[in-house]
Every structure is written in structure tokens, then in C-alpha cells.
Amino acid sequence: MILLCAVAINISAQTKKTPTKKPLTKTAAKPNVKLAPEVKASTKADGYSTSKNYNTAIGVKFLYGISLTAKHFLKEKHALEGIFTYRGFNGLGTQIGISAAYEYHLPVNGVQNLKWYVGGGGHFEYFSFDDNLVDPTTTVGALGVLGLEYKFKGLPIAISTDWQPVFTFNSGGGFSAENGGIGVKYTF
């Protein structure tokens, strides 16, 4: 960059010198030449923009139960993700969860189309016990997100892995680290 500035200053200085006068000669008419419009370089970094990879994705996530997920980019690095989770506990009960998270995506240096993301949001969970003598519970909490996502070049597929710890506020409150998983999404 410094070298380019120095060359530009040198060229500018040379063009400001007083030109020597040439004798008047008959000049031929210049041909009518149209110059191509100047192309400006993009200021966006090569990587994860909604125009290059995707705007919206829907898919599944598994590890701690099975989840349906949808992600939509609001801006180049800013996305919203909604997650619906079902998890069965044999002999104990069934858990249903709904989460919404705001995520901020950044490129991983040296690996094209690989991004890491961080964010947070809200979490709602309903747990029904198999034993009819125990009442179901409902919890509300805050969700954190930390993950990696890779978008395949030329394919409408993205894969991800993330961890989504939850801190619940009611029913005694508490921390749960068993959220998140491995995801496969169809992108468009």
C-alpha cells in the first residue's frame, strides 16, 4: 500500500513539470475511443457475506435430542436463529424446547467459508414426566451460543457444530450445558 502511494506521488510530480513546447504541426484527428468504466474494488473481506454464501437456511441438528433449526442473516455477519428441540428420556419423560438466538459470525483465517459465531438469546422448555403423579415443569432462561459453520462452495449445504448452554431462571434456576449439537442445513 505504501509502495503504491509512493508511485502515485512520483507520477503526480512528473506530470506537473512544465512541458517543453513543441513546434506546431498539423495533427490528425483522434479516433473516437470509449474507455471502459472504472471498476471499484470491493471493501468487503472475502468470506461470509449473505450475497456469497446464503441468506437463509433450514435444517436439523442432533446430539442432545433432535432439533429443527432456521437461520436468517439480517446483515453480512448478523443472523437470527430459531431452534425447536425434542428430546426423549426413556422411562423418565419428554422435553420440548424452543430457543431464539442472535448470532455474530466471523471468518476463520486461512479456511475459506469456515466461520465461527457467538451469540445469545432466550430459551423456553417444557418437560413432561412419564409418571402421572409428577406434574410437568416449564422453564424459561437465557441461552448462550458458541459454534463453527462451514458452507460448501457450489452446494446449498452448510454444516455446523455448536454449544448452547442455558441458565434457567425459574424452577429453582440452574445451568445446563447439554444443548447444541451437530447440524446440517439447506441454504438458499
Protein backbone atom coordinates (compact mmCIF):
# COMPACT_ATOMS: atom_id res chain seq x y z
CA MET A 1 0.00 0.00 0.00
CA ILE A 2 2.84 2.38 0.92
CA LEU A 3 4.65 1.45 -2.28
CA LEU A 4 1.55 2.26 -4.36
CA CYS A 5 1.22 5.66 -2.66
CA ALA A 6 4.86 6.46 -3.36
CA VAL A 7 4.49 5.54 -7.06
CA ALA A 8 1.32 7.68 -7.32
CA ILE A 9 3.09 10.69 -5.77
CA ASN A 10 6.06 10.24 -8.12
CA ILE A 11 3.81 10.09 -11.19
CA SER A 12 1.87 13.13 -9.99
CA ALA A 13 5.08 15.10 -9.52
CA GLN A 14 6.30 14.20 -13.02
CA THR A 15 3.08 15.31 -14.67
CA LYS A 16 3.26 18.75 -13.01
CA LYS A 17 6.60 19.61 -14.68
CA THR A 18 6.38 22.29 -17.35
CA PRO A 19 6.16 20.58 -20.70
CA THR A 20 8.57 21.68 -23.40
CA LYS A 21 6.96 23.46 -26.30
CA LYS A 22 6.82 21.51 -29.48
CA PRO A 23 6.59 23.11 -32.85
CA LEU A 24 3.10 23.38 -34.21
CA THR A 25 2.34 20.60 -36.61
CA LYS A 26 -0.78 19.51 -38.24
CA THR A 27 -2.32 16.81 -36.11
CA ALA A 28 -4.53 14.07 -37.32
CA ALA A 29 -7.99 13.73 -35.85
CA LYS A 30 -8.07 11.45 -32.85
CA PRO A 31 -10.23 8.38 -33.22
CA ASN A 32 -13.35 8.31 -31.07
CA VAL A 33 -12.40 5.79 -28.35
CA LYS A 34 -14.68 4.99 -25.44
CA LEU A 35 -12.99 3.95 -22.27
CA ALA A 36 -14.40 1.15 -20.16
CA PRO A 37 -15.94 2.31 -16.89
CA GLU A 38 -13.65 2.15 -13.90
CA VAL A 39 -14.26 -0.86 -11.69
CA LYS A 40 -14.03 -0.21 -7.97
CA ALA A 41 -12.64 -2.88 -5.69
CA SER A 42 -14.99 -4.22 -3.05
CA THR A 43 -14.32 -3.13 0.50
CA LYS A 44 -15.86 -6.32 1.91
CA ALA A 45 -13.50 -9.05 3.01
CA ASP A 46 -13.66 -12.30 1.06
CA GLY A 47 -15.64 -14.66 3.17
CA TYR A 48 -19.04 -14.92 4.71
CA SER A 49 -21.42 -12.47 3.18
CA THR A 50 -25.04 -13.13 2.55
CA SER A 51 -24.51 -12.43 -1.15
CA LYS A 52 -21.72 -15.01 -1.47
CA ASN A 53 -22.97 -17.84 0.72
CA TYR A 54 -26.61 -17.67 1.74
CA ASN A 55 -29.37 -15.56 3.25
CA THR A 56 -31.50 -18.24 4.90
CA ALA A 57 -31.03 -21.87 5.92
CA ILE A 58 -33.25 -24.59 7.36
CA GLY A 59 -32.10 -27.92 8.71
CA VAL A 60 -31.72 -30.42 11.52
CA LYS A 61 -29.40 -30.59 14.50
CA PHE A 62 -28.70 -33.63 16.64
CA LEU A 63 -26.67 -34.69 19.67
CA TYR A 64 -28.87 -33.63 22.58
CA GLY A 65 -32.15 -34.79 21.08
CA ILE A 66 -33.23 -33.76 17.60
CA SER A 67 -33.83 -30.15 16.59
CA LEU A 68 -35.31 -28.29 13.66
CA THR A 69 -33.44 -25.07 13.00
CA ALA A 70 -33.84 -21.99 10.81
CA LYS A 71 -31.25 -19.23 10.39
CA HIS A 72 -31.64 -15.93 8.58
CA PHE A 73 -28.94 -13.28 8.01
CA LEU A 74 -30.05 -9.73 8.72
CA LYS A 75 -26.69 -8.28 7.57
CA GLU A 76 -23.40 -9.73 6.41
CA LYS A 77 -22.33 -11.03 9.84
CA HIS A 78 -25.56 -10.76 11.86
CA ALA A 79 -28.06 -13.62 11.96
CA LEU A 80 -31.11 -14.79 13.87
CA GLU A 81 -31.59 -18.49 14.55
CA GLY A 82 -34.69 -20.28 15.82
CA ILE A 83 -34.48 -23.82 17.21
CA PHE A 84 -37.23 -26.30 18.10
CA THR A 85 -35.91 -29.31 20.08
CA TYR A 86 -37.45 -32.66 21.02
CA ARG A 87 -35.66 -34.94 23.44
CA GLY A 88 -36.99 -38.18 24.91
CA PHE A 89 -35.69 -39.69 28.13
CA ASN A 90 -36.60 -43.42 28.24
CA GLY A 91 -38.71 -44.14 31.29
CA LEU A 92 -38.46 -40.59 32.63
CA GLY A 93 -40.22 -38.20 30.28
CA THR A 94 -40.12 -35.91 27.26
CA GLN A 95 -38.50 -32.49 26.84
CA ILE A 96 -39.59 -29.89 24.27
CA GLY A 97 -37.59 -26.69 23.88
CA ILE A 98 -37.82 -23.52 21.84
CA SER A 99 -34.85 -21.16 21.52
CA ALA A 100 -34.20 -17.91 19.65
CA ALA A 101 -30.67 -16.54 19.32
CA TYR A 102 -28.89 -13.55 17.81
CA GLU A 103 -25.53 -14.64 16.34
CA TYR A 104 -22.47 -12.73 15.17
CA HIS A 105 -20.37 -14.57 12.53
CA LEU A 106 -16.65 -14.02 11.84
CA PRO A 107 -14.28 -15.74 9.37
CA VAL A 108 -11.69 -18.29 10.45
CA ASN A 109 -8.39 -17.13 8.95
CA GLY A 110 -6.92 -19.49 6.38
CA VAL A 111 -10.07 -21.55 5.74
CA GLN A 112 -12.47 -20.15 3.16
CA ASN A 113 -16.20 -20.48 4.01
CA LEU A 114 -15.49 -21.54 7.62
CA LYS A 115 -16.90 -19.14 10.20
CA TRP A 116 -17.14 -19.11 13.95
CA TYR A 117 -20.05 -17.48 15.68
CA VAL A 118 -21.06 -16.29 19.10
CA GLY A 119 -24.35 -15.01 20.43
CA GLY A 120 -27.17 -15.31 22.87
CA GLY A 121 -30.90 -15.28 23.28
CA GLY A 122 -33.86 -16.76 25.10
CA HIS A 123 -34.90 -20.32 25.87
CA PHE A 124 -38.24 -21.92 26.81
CA GLU A 125 -38.53 -25.56 27.86
CA TYR A 126 -41.40 -27.92 28.77
CA PHE A 127 -40.72 -31.28 30.46
CA SER A 128 -43.48 -33.85 30.93
CA PHE A 129 -42.80 -36.86 33.14
CA ASP A 130 -43.90 -40.40 32.22
CA ASP A 131 -45.11 -40.81 35.80
CA ASN A 132 -48.60 -39.30 36.05
CA LEU A 133 -48.01 -38.49 39.73
CA VAL A 134 -45.38 -35.86 38.88
CA ASP A 135 -46.52 -32.56 37.35
CA PRO A 136 -44.83 -31.30 34.17
CA THR A 137 -42.42 -28.37 34.52
CA THR A 138 -41.89 -25.28 32.40
CA THR A 139 -38.65 -23.29 32.50
CA VAL A 140 -37.53 -20.01 30.98
CA GLY A 141 -33.91 -18.97 30.64
CA ALA A 142 -31.06 -17.26 28.84
CA LEU A 143 -29.15 -19.05 26.10
CA GLY A 144 -25.53 -18.60 25.01
CA VAL A 145 -24.16 -19.75 21.65
CA LEU A 146 -20.62 -20.63 20.51
CA GLY A 147 -20.07 -22.54 17.27
CA LEU A 148 -18.44 -23.20 13.89
CA GLU A 149 -20.15 -23.34 10.49
CA TYR A 150 -18.85 -24.40 7.09
CA LYS A 151 -20.71 -23.61 3.85
CA PHE A 152 -19.80 -25.92 0.94
CA LYS A 153 -18.79 -23.98 -2.18
CA GLY A 154 -21.14 -24.68 -5.07
CA LEU A 155 -23.61 -26.67 -2.94
CA PRO A 156 -26.61 -25.38 -0.98
CA ILE A 157 -25.39 -27.18 2.17
CA ALA A 158 -23.89 -25.85 5.41
CA ILE A 159 -22.73 -27.95 8.36
CA SER A 160 -22.25 -26.69 11.88
CA THR A 161 -21.36 -27.64 15.40
CA ASP A 162 -22.23 -25.52 18.38
CA TRP A 163 -22.64 -25.41 22.13
CA GLN A 164 -25.64 -23.62 23.60
CA PRO A 165 -25.50 -23.51 27.40
CA VAL A 166 -28.69 -22.40 29.16
CA PHE A 167 -29.24 -20.74 32.52
CA THR A 168 -32.82 -21.12 33.74
CA PHE A 169 -34.44 -18.50 35.96
CA ASN A 170 -37.43 -20.34 37.42
CA SER A 171 -37.99 -23.81 38.96
CA GLY A 172 -35.02 -23.31 41.24
CA GLY A 173 -32.80 -21.91 38.46
CA GLY A 174 -29.69 -23.59 37.22
CA PHE A 175 -27.14 -24.14 34.50
CA SER A 176 -27.50 -26.74 31.73
CA ALA A 177 -24.60 -27.47 29.39
CA GLU A 178 -26.43 -30.16 27.40
CA ASN A 179 -27.68 -28.05 24.50
CA GLY A 180 -26.41 -27.54 20.96
CA GLY A 181 -25.20 -30.20 18.59
CA ILE A 182 -24.14 -31.04 15.06
CA GLY A 183 -26.26 -29.54 12.29
CA VAL A 184 -26.88 -29.90 8.57
CA LYS A 185 -28.75 -27.10 6.80
CA TYR A 186 -30.13 -26.48 3.32
CA THR A 187 -29.22 -22.93 2.28
CA PHE A 188 -30.96 -20.52 -0.06
